[in-house]
Protein backbone atom coordinates (compact mmCIF):
# COMPACT_ATOMS: atom_id res chain seq x y z
CA MET A 1 45.12 11.50 -19.26
CA THR A 2 43.21 9.31 -21.73
CA ASN A 3 41.97 7.16 -18.76
CA ILE A 4 40.56 10.24 -17.01
CA VAL A 5 38.66 11.40 -20.13
CA VAL A 6 37.23 7.89 -20.70
CA GLN A 7 36.06 7.83 -17.06
CA TYR A 8 34.33 11.17 -17.31
CA VAL A 9 32.64 10.09 -20.51
CA LEU A 10 31.49 6.88 -18.92
CA VAL A 11 30.06 8.83 -15.91
CA VAL A 12 28.19 11.21 -18.20
CA VAL A 13 26.75 8.28 -20.24
CA LEU A 14 25.66 6.54 -16.98
CA ILE A 15 23.94 9.62 -15.76
CA ALA A 16 22.23 10.17 -19.09
CA GLY A 17 21.06 6.55 -19.00
CA LEU A 18 19.64 6.79 -15.53
CA SER A 19 17.94 10.15 -16.44
CA TYR A 20 16.34 8.54 -19.54
CA LEU A 21 15.13 5.62 -17.37
CA VAL A 22 13.51 7.99 -14.92
CA TYR A 23 12.01 9.85 -17.86
CA LEU A 24 10.42 6.65 -19.15
CA ILE A 25 9.00 5.74 -15.76
CA LYS A 26 7.50 9.13 -15.22
CA ASP A 27 6.17 9.26 -18.86
CA LYS A 28 4.15 6.04 -18.12
CA GLY A 29 2.54 7.84 -15.14
CA ILE A 30 3.83 5.21 -12.66
CA SER A 31 4.86 6.45 -9.24
CA VAL A 32 7.91 4.29 -8.31
CA LYS A 33 7.14 4.51 -4.56
CA GLU A 34 3.59 3.12 -5.06
CA ASP A 35 4.70 0.20 -7.39
CA TYR A 36 4.96 -2.71 -4.93
CA PHE A 37 7.59 -5.01 -6.41
CA GLY A 38 6.36 -4.24 -9.98
CA ILE A 39 2.88 -5.55 -8.97
CA THR A 40 1.06 -2.31 -9.71
CA TYR A 41 2.26 -2.07 -13.20
CA MET A 42 1.63 -5.80 -13.86
CA LEU A 43 -1.98 -5.57 -12.60
CA LEU A 44 -2.76 -2.26 -14.19
CA LYS A 45 -2.30 -3.76 -17.59
CA SER A 46 -5.16 -6.26 -16.96
CA LEU A 47 -7.54 -3.82 -15.21
CA ASN A 48 -9.33 -1.05 -17.02
CA ASP A 49 -8.67 2.69 -16.49
CA ILE A 50 -11.30 3.14 -13.84
CA GLU A 51 -10.06 0.09 -11.75
CA ALA A 52 -6.38 0.89 -12.19
CA THR A 53 -5.63 2.83 -8.97
CA PRO A 54 -3.17 2.18 -6.30
CA GLU A 55 -5.93 1.74 -3.76
CA LYS A 56 -7.40 -0.99 -5.77
CA VAL A 57 -4.06 -2.73 -6.07
CA LYS A 58 -3.77 -2.47 -2.24
CA LYS A 59 -7.10 -4.17 -1.94
CA ILE A 60 -6.05 -6.99 -4.24
CA ILE A 61 -2.70 -7.52 -2.43
CA ARG A 62 -4.55 -7.63 0.92
CA ALA A 63 -7.27 -10.01 -0.30
CA ILE A 64 -4.79 -12.35 -1.69
CA SER A 65 -2.55 -11.98 1.38
CA GLU A 66 -5.45 -13.01 3.67
CA GLU A 67 -6.07 -16.16 1.63
CA VAL A 68 -2.41 -17.04 1.67
CA GLN A 69 -2.33 -16.75 5.47
CA PHE A 70 -5.38 -18.94 5.78
CA ILE A 71 -3.82 -21.61 3.56
CA GLU A 72 -0.44 -21.45 5.49
CA LEU A 73 -2.26 -21.80 8.82
CA ASN A 74 -4.46 -24.67 7.80
CA TYR A 75 -2.15 -26.69 5.45
CA LYS A 76 1.18 -26.25 7.33
CA ASN A 77 2.76 -29.61 6.21
CA GLU A 78 1.35 -29.85 2.69
CA ASP A 79 3.51 -29.50 -0.40
CA ASN A 80 3.99 -25.92 -1.55
CA THR A 81 2.61 -26.53 -5.07
CA LEU A 82 -0.56 -27.98 -3.42
CA LYS A 83 -0.77 -24.89 -1.18
CA GLU A 84 -0.30 -22.57 -4.13
CA GLU A 85 -3.19 -24.22 -6.09
CA LYS A 86 -5.57 -23.93 -3.06
CA ALA A 87 -4.50 -20.34 -2.51
CA LEU A 88 -5.14 -19.60 -6.16
CA ILE A 89 -8.66 -20.89 -5.95
CA LEU A 90 -9.34 -18.97 -2.79
CA ALA A 91 -7.71 -15.78 -4.17
CA LYS A 92 -9.92 -15.97 -7.40
CA GLU A 93 -13.00 -16.22 -5.08
CA ALA A 94 -11.80 -13.24 -3.02
CA LEU A 95 -11.07 -11.22 -6.22
CA GLU A 96 -14.60 -12.01 -7.52
CA ALA A 97 -16.02 -10.57 -4.35
CA LEU A 98 -14.19 -7.23 -5.14
CA GLU A 99 -16.22 -7.15 -8.39
CA PHE A 100 -13.82 -6.00 -10.96
CA GLU A 101 -14.90 -5.75 -14.49
CA ASN A 102 -11.79 -7.42 -15.91
CA ASN A 103 -10.32 -10.53 -14.58
CA ILE A 104 -6.75 -10.74 -13.42
CA ASP A 105 -4.87 -13.56 -15.14
CA ASP A 106 -3.66 -16.59 -13.13
CA GLU A 107 -0.03 -15.95 -13.57
CA SER A 108 -0.38 -12.50 -11.94
CA ILE A 109 -2.23 -14.02 -8.93
CA ARG A 110 0.39 -16.76 -8.59
CA TYR A 111 3.09 -14.05 -8.53
CA ILE A 112 1.39 -12.26 -5.76
CA ILE A 113 0.66 -15.47 -3.91
CA ARG A 114 4.46 -16.27 -4.01
CA LEU A 115 5.38 -12.82 -2.82
CA CYS A 116 2.86 -13.06 0.09
CA ALA A 117 4.09 -16.52 1.00
CA ALA A 118 7.72 -15.40 0.96
CA ALA A 119 6.94 -12.54 3.32
CA MET A 120 5.46 -14.96 5.84
CA PRO A 121 7.50 -16.91 8.40
CA PRO A 122 8.13 -20.52 7.34
CA THR A 123 5.39 -22.99 8.48
CA HIS A 124 6.65 -26.34 6.86
CA GLU A 125 7.95 -28.64 9.58
CA GLU A 126 11.23 -30.27 8.74
CA LYS A 127 11.34 -33.98 8.81
């Protein structure tokens, strides 16, 4: 009998915890379905209120993805750290072309570069 009561209490606590998590997410004004791998929330911290829209985040991801594809096509057999550095330089240039008021920090750009590279098929030839 005690086991059943403990199980019910644990289920109620679990439901309350999940409900509180959903409340916190909605309180921040972030739509979970529009938050790409946590990227939206990460980028919105560095952009101002006018620039902080899901459409702008999509533009940022697309711009960085295009640069990553360019690097992967042209530097197939290079070391991944070298490709990441080259992609970072090109991504910064692409983001400057989007003319945001605030700059996105390098770690956020690297995070997106790694996600874009992980989504692509492998290009490094095995020796």
